[in-house]
PDB file of N, CA and C in Angstrom:
ATOM      1  N   MET A   1       0.786  -1.167   0.048  1.00  0.00           N
ATOM      2  CA  MET A   1      -0.069  -0.086  -0.080  1.00  0.00           C
ATOM      3  C   MET A   1       0.766   1.207   0.098  1.00  0.00           C
ATOM      4  N   ASP A   2       2.135   1.232   0.618  1.00  0.00           N
ATOM      5  CA  ASP A   2       2.810   2.358   0.656  1.00  0.00           C
ATOM      6  C   ASP A   2       3.232   2.782  -0.741  1.00  0.00           C
ATOM      7  N   ASP A   3       3.565   1.891  -1.749  1.00  0.00           N
ATOM      8  CA  ASP A   3       3.849   2.398  -3.050  1.00  0.00           C
ATOM      9  C   ASP A   3       2.608   3.073  -3.721  1.00  0.00           C
ATOM     10  N   LEU A   4       1.479   2.502  -3.478  1.00  0.00           N
ATOM     11  CA  LEU A   4       0.386   3.352  -4.026  1.00  0.00           C
ATOM     12  C   LEU A   4       0.289   4.681  -3.651  1.00  0.00           C
ATOM     13  N   ILE A   5       0.440   4.845  -2.160  1.00  0.00           N
ATOM     14  CA  ILE A   5       0.355   6.141  -1.466  1.00  0.00           C
ATOM     15  C   ILE A   5       1.361   7.082  -2.032  1.00  0.00           C
ATOM     16  N   GLU A   6       2.591   6.541  -2.072  1.00  0.00           N
ATOM     17  CA  GLU A   6       3.704   7.224  -2.657  1.00  0.00           C
ATOM     18  C   GLU A   6       3.459   7.947  -4.051  1.00  0.00           C
ATOM     19  N   GLU A   7       2.928   6.934  -4.887  1.00  0.00           N
ATOM     20  CA  GLU A   7       2.568   7.349  -6.377  1.00  0.00           C
ATOM     21  C   GLU A   7       1.573   8.335  -6.261  1.00  0.00           C
ATOM     22  N   ALA A   8       0.440   8.234  -5.512  1.00  0.00           N
ATOM     23  CA  ALA A   8      -0.638   9.201  -5.556  1.00  0.00           C
ATOM     24  C   ALA A   8      -0.106  10.671  -5.080  1.00  0.00           C
ATOM     25  N   VAL A   9       0.620  10.535  -4.039  1.00  0.00           N
ATOM     26  CA  VAL A   9       1.253  11.818  -3.552  1.00  0.00           C
ATOM     27  C   VAL A   9       2.147  12.521  -4.515  1.00  0.00           C
ATOM     28  N   LYS A  10       2.904  11.617  -5.205  1.00  0.00           N
ATOM     29  CA  LYS A  10       3.797  12.183  -6.302  1.00  0.00           C
ATOM     30  C   LYS A  10       2.945  12.805  -7.472  1.00  0.00           C
ATOM     31  N   GLN A  11       1.944  12.030  -7.904  1.00  0.00           N
ATOM     32  CA  GLN A  11       1.083  12.597  -8.921  1.00  0.00           C
ATOM     33  C   GLN A  11       0.358  13.869  -8.527  1.00  0.00           C
ATOM     34  N   LEU A  12      -0.245  14.003  -7.252  1.00  0.00           N
ATOM     35  CA  LEU A  12      -1.018  15.147  -6.948  1.00  0.00           C
ATOM     36  C   LEU A  12       0.128  16.287  -6.678  1.00  0.00           C
ATOM     37  N   LYS A  13       1.202  16.104  -6.262  1.00  0.00           N
ATOM     38  CA  LYS A  13       2.199  17.087  -6.180  1.00  0.00           C
ATOM     39  C   LYS A  13       2.557  17.686  -7.396  1.00  0.00           C
ATOM     40  N   ALA A  14       2.903  16.784  -8.359  1.00  0.00           N
ATOM     41  CA  ALA A  14       3.273  17.168  -9.613  1.00  0.00           C
ATOM     42  C   ALA A  14       2.329  17.919 -10.591  1.00  0.00           C
ATOM     43  N   ALA A  15       1.109  17.484 -10.221  1.00  0.00           N
ATOM     44  CA  ALA A  15      -0.026  18.271 -10.793  1.00  0.00           C
ATOM     45  C   ALA A  15      -0.356  19.698 -10.276  1.00  0.00           C
ATOM     46  N   GLY A  16       0.277  19.956  -9.141  1.00  0.00           N
ATOM     47  CA  GLY A  16       0.062  21.247  -8.558  1.00  0.00           C
ATOM     48  C   GLY A  16      -1.015  21.435  -7.743  1.00  0.00           C
ATOM     49  N   TYR A  17      -1.629  20.523  -7.111  1.00  0.00           N
ATOM     50  CA  TYR A  17      -2.895  20.671  -6.250  1.00  0.00           C
ATOM     51  C   TYR A  17      -2.457  21.352  -5.047  1.00  0.00           C
ATOM     52  N   SER A  18      -3.438  22.302  -4.713  1.00  0.00           N
ATOM     53  CA  SER A  18      -3.236  22.838  -3.362  1.00  0.00           C
ATOM     54  C   SER A  18      -4.389  22.484  -2.395  1.00  0.00           C
ATOM     55  N   LYS A  19      -5.464  21.673  -2.948  1.00  0.00           N
ATOM     56  CA  LYS A  19      -6.464  21.213  -2.150  1.00  0.00           C
ATOM     57  C   LYS A  19      -6.875  19.895  -2.763  1.00  0.00           C
ATOM     58  N   VAL A  20      -7.199  19.047  -1.829  1.00  0.00           N
ATOM     59  CA  VAL A  20      -7.588  17.667  -2.233  1.00  0.00           C
ATOM     60  C   VAL A  20      -8.779  17.261  -1.440  1.00  0.00           C
ATOM     61  N   LEU A  21      -9.976  16.748  -1.869  1.00  0.00           N
ATOM     62  CA  LEU A  21     -11.112  16.074  -1.309  1.00  0.00           C
ATOM     63  C   LEU A  21     -11.019  14.636  -1.246  1.00  0.00           C
ATOM     64  N   ILE A  22     -11.103  14.259  -0.078  1.00  0.00           N
ATOM     65  CA  ILE A  22     -11.000  12.609   0.059  1.00  0.00           C
ATOM     66  C   ILE A  22     -12.405  12.235   0.629  1.00  0.00           C
ATOM     67  N   VAL A  23     -13.015  11.234  -0.103  1.00  0.00           N
ATOM     68  CA  VAL A  23     -14.293  10.655   0.390  1.00  0.00           C
ATOM     69  C   VAL A  23     -14.151   9.513   1.178  1.00  0.00           C
ATOM     70  N   ALA A  24     -14.762   9.386   2.333  1.00  0.00           N
ATOM     71  CA  ALA A  24     -14.595   8.372   3.302  1.00  0.00           C
ATOM     72  C   ALA A  24     -14.728   6.975   2.705  1.00  0.00           C
ATOM     73  N   ALA A  25     -13.985   6.096   3.012  1.00  0.00           N
ATOM     74  CA  ALA A  25     -14.053   4.703   2.622  1.00  0.00           C
ATOM     75  C   ALA A  25     -14.973   3.876   3.168  1.00  0.00           C
ATOM     76  N   ARG A  26     -15.371   2.723   2.631  1.00  0.00           N
ATOM     77  CA  ARG A  26     -16.360   1.861   3.244  1.00  0.00           C
ATOM     78  C   ARG A  26     -15.691   0.607   3.919  1.00  0.00           C
ATOM     79  N   SER A  27     -14.449   0.416   3.530  1.00  0.00           N
ATOM     80  CA  SER A  27     -13.625  -0.677   3.878  1.00  0.00           C
ATOM     81  C   SER A  27     -12.424  -0.233   4.614  1.00  0.00           C
ATOM     82  N   LYS A  28     -11.968  -1.209   5.639  1.00  0.00           N
ATOM     83  CA  LYS A  28     -10.824  -0.732   6.510  1.00  0.00           C
ATOM     84  C   LYS A  28      -9.550  -0.497   5.736  1.00  0.00           C
ATOM     85  N   ALA A  29      -9.209  -1.208   4.785  1.00  0.00           N
ATOM     86  CA  ALA A  29      -8.087  -1.030   3.968  1.00  0.00           C
ATOM     87  C   ALA A  29      -8.108   0.291   3.360  1.00  0.00           C
ATOM     88  N   LEU A  30      -9.128   0.663   2.766  1.00  0.00           N
ATOM     89  CA  LEU A  30      -9.314   1.902   1.937  1.00  0.00           C
ATOM     90  C   LEU A  30      -9.308   3.104   2.909  1.00  0.00           C
ATOM     91  N   GLU A  31      -9.927   2.859   4.166  1.00  0.00           N
ATOM     92  CA  GLU A  31      -9.836   4.015   5.243  1.00  0.00           C
ATOM     93  C   GLU A  31      -8.452   4.279   5.732  1.00  0.00           C
ATOM     94  N   ARG A  32      -7.657   3.216   5.882  1.00  0.00           N
ATOM     95  CA  ARG A  32      -6.254   3.353   6.272  1.00  0.00           C
ATOM     96  C   ARG A  32      -5.543   4.040   5.100  1.00  0.00           C
ATOM     97  N   PHE A  33      -5.860   3.825   3.872  1.00  0.00           N
ATOM     98  CA  PHE A  33      -5.194   4.293   2.630  1.00  0.00           C
ATOM     99  C   PHE A  33      -5.482   5.858   2.687  1.00  0.00           C
ATOM    100  N   GLY A  34      -6.722   6.156   2.896  1.00  0.00           N
ATOM    101  CA  GLY A  34      -7.180   7.541   2.940  1.00  0.00           C
ATOM    102  C   GLY A  34      -6.520   8.328   4.041  1.00  0.00           C
ATOM    103  N   ARG A  35      -6.447   7.822   5.119  1.00  0.00           N
ATOM    104  CA  ARG A  35      -5.856   8.596   6.338  1.00  0.00           C
ATOM    105  C   ARG A  35      -4.492   8.795   6.193  1.00  0.00           C
ATOM    106  N   GLU A  36      -3.686   7.836   5.552  1.00  0.00           N
ATOM    107  CA  GLU A  36      -2.376   7.875   5.272  1.00  0.00           C
ATOM    108  C   GLU A  36      -1.930   8.941   4.152  1.00  0.00           C
ATOM    109  N   LEU A  37      -2.766   8.850   3.237  1.00  0.00           N
ATOM    110  CA  LEU A  37      -2.668   9.757   2.042  1.00  0.00           C
ATOM    111  C   LEU A  37      -2.806  11.198   2.639  1.00  0.00           C
ATOM    112  N   ALA A  38      -3.919  11.261   3.296  1.00  0.00           N
ATOM    113  CA  ALA A  38      -4.332  12.825   3.895  1.00  0.00           C
ATOM    114  C   ALA A  38      -3.082  13.213   4.683  1.00  0.00           C
ATOM    115  N   ARG A  39      -2.525  12.405   5.498  1.00  0.00           N
ATOM    116  CA  ARG A  39      -1.421  12.709   6.498  1.00  0.00           C
ATOM    117  C   ARG A  39      -0.221  13.258   5.616  1.00  0.00           C
ATOM    118  N   ARG A  40       0.075  12.339   4.640  1.00  0.00           N
ATOM    119  CA  ARG A  40       1.213  12.751   3.762  1.00  0.00           C
ATOM    120  C   ARG A  40       1.100  14.105   3.021  1.00  0.00           C
ATOM    121  N   LEU A  41      -0.087  14.174   2.557  1.00  0.00           N
ATOM    122  CA  LEU A  41      -0.389  15.482   1.718  1.00  0.00           C
ATOM    123  C   LEU A  41      -0.339  16.632   2.676  1.00  0.00           C
ATOM    124  N   ARG A  42      -0.809  16.558   3.854  1.00  0.00           N
ATOM    125  CA  ARG A  42      -0.755  17.800   4.819  1.00  0.00           C
ATOM    126  C   ARG A  42       0.713  18.113   5.195  1.00  0.00           C
ATOM    127  N   GLU A  43       1.510  17.086   5.097  1.00  0.00           N
ATOM    128  CA  GLU A  43       3.005  17.291   5.530  1.00  0.00           C
ATOM    129  C   GLU A  43       3.417  18.269   4.326  1.00  0.00           C
ATOM    130  N   LEU A  44       2.922  18.027   3.184  1.00  0.00           N
ATOM    131  CA  LEU A  44       3.433  18.845   1.958  1.00  0.00           C
ATOM    132  C   LEU A  44       2.703  20.118   1.896  1.00  0.00           C
ATOM    133  N   GLU A  45       1.921  20.431   2.951  1.00  0.00           N
ATOM    134  CA  GLU A  45       1.079  21.660   2.959  1.00  0.00           C
ATOM    135  C   GLU A  45       0.027  21.593   1.910  1.00  0.00           C
ATOM    136  N   ILE A  46      -0.467  20.603   1.606  1.00  0.00           N
ATOM    137  CA  ILE A  46      -1.651  20.457   0.537  1.00  0.00           C
ATOM    138  C   ILE A  46      -2.887  20.231   1.458  1.00  0.00           C
ATOM    139  N   GLU A  47      -3.865  21.243   1.263  1.00  0.00           N
ATOM    140  CA  GLU A  47      -5.078  21.217   2.146  1.00  0.00           C
ATOM    141  C   GLU A  47      -5.887  19.957   1.766  1.00  0.00           C
ATOM    142  N   VAL A  48      -6.417  19.260   2.862  1.00  0.00           N
ATOM    143  CA  VAL A  48      -7.086  18.148   2.697  1.00  0.00           C
ATOM    144  C   VAL A  48      -8.380  18.261   3.335  1.00  0.00           C
ATOM    145  N   GLU A  49      -9.532  17.994   2.536  1.00  0.00           N
ATOM    146  CA  GLU A  49     -10.795  17.958   3.198  1.00  0.00           C
ATOM    147  C   GLU A  49     -11.429  16.516   3.068  1.00  0.00           C
ATOM    148  N   GLU A  50     -11.839  16.072   4.191  1.00  0.00           N
ATOM    149  CA  GLU A  50     -12.376  14.674   4.242  1.00  0.00           C
ATOM    150  C   GLU A  50     -13.925  14.749   4.314  1.00  0.00           C
ATOM    151  N   VAL A  51     -14.500  14.095   3.424  1.00  0.00           N
ATOM    152  CA  VAL A  51     -15.918  14.157   3.212  1.00  0.00           C
ATOM    153  C   VAL A  51     -16.579  12.675   3.560  1.00  0.00           C
ATOM    154  N   LYS A  52     -17.581  12.701   4.468  1.00  0.00           N
ATOM    155  CA  LYS A  52     -18.163  11.454   4.868  1.00  0.00           C
ATOM    156  C   LYS A  52     -18.898  10.686   3.751  1.00  0.00           C
ATOM    157  N   ASP A  53     -19.532  11.517   2.832  1.00  0.00           N
ATOM    158  CA  ASP A  53     -20.386  10.858   1.788  1.00  0.00           C
ATOM    159  C   ASP A  53     -20.230  11.740   0.622  1.00  0.00           C
ATOM    160  N   ILE A  54     -20.391  11.191  -0.494  1.00  0.00           N
ATOM    161  CA  ILE A  54     -20.236  11.849  -1.727  1.00  0.00           C
ATOM    162  C   ILE A  54     -21.519  12.888  -1.986  1.00  0.00           C
ATOM    163  N   ARG A  55     -22.488  12.470  -1.409  1.00  0.00           N
ATOM    164  CA  ARG A  55     -23.728  13.440  -1.341  1.00  0.00           C
ATOM    165  C   ARG A  55     -23.562  14.695  -0.847  1.00  0.00           C
ATOM    166  N   GLU A  56     -22.585  14.729   0.166  1.00  0.00           N
ATOM    167  CA  GLU A  56     -22.277  15.976   0.738  1.00  0.00           C
ATOM    168  C   GLU A  56     -21.636  16.926  -0.200  1.00  0.00           C
ATOM    169  N   LEU A  57     -20.875  16.460  -1.104  1.00  0.00           N
ATOM    170  CA  LEU A  57     -20.109  17.199  -2.182  1.00  0.00           C
ATOM    171  C   LEU A  57     -21.153  17.711  -3.055  1.00  0.00           C
ATOM    172  N   MET A  58     -22.224  16.827  -3.433  1.00  0.00           N
ATOM    173  CA  MET A  58     -23.092  17.101  -4.469  1.00  0.00           C
ATOM    174  C   MET A  58     -24.103  18.259  -4.076  1.00  0.00           C
ATOM    175  N   LYS A  59     -24.449  18.462  -2.730  1.00  0.00           N
ATOM    176  CA  LYS A  59     -25.307  19.378  -2.228  1.00  0.00           C
ATOM    177  C   LYS A  59     -24.763  20.852  -2.506  1.00  0.00           C
ATOM    178  N   GLY A  60     -23.427  20.986  -2.300  1.00  0.00           N
ATOM    179  CA  GLY A  60     -22.865  22.161  -2.628  1.00  0.00           C
ATOM    180  C   GLY A  60     -22.667  22.671  -3.946  1.00  0.00           C
ATOM    181  N   ARG A  61     -22.875  21.679  -5.017  1.00  0.00           N
ATOM    182  CA  ARG A  61     -22.630  22.016  -6.432  1.00  0.00           C
ATOM    183  C   ARG A  61     -23.996  22.244  -7.146  1.00  0.00           C
ATOM    184  N   LYS A  62     -25.065  22.271  -6.540  1.00  0.00           N
ATOM    185  CA  LYS A  62     -26.339  22.399  -7.228  1.00  0.00           C
ATOM    186  C   LYS A  62     -26.423  23.808  -7.810  1.00  0.00           C
TER     187      LYS A  62
END
């Protein structure tokens, strides 16, 4: 899983993202992935917003 996280961080950093939205996972493995990804992105001073449900995102976009 570390390789996947490293690649995701590398790609997000290279793309120049300043903010990332992470939707909560329904499995323990993906939940751990999301937490670790968020931690590493914050270390790079990339803002991370964690959302419980995709519907939360959709409410604000109507």
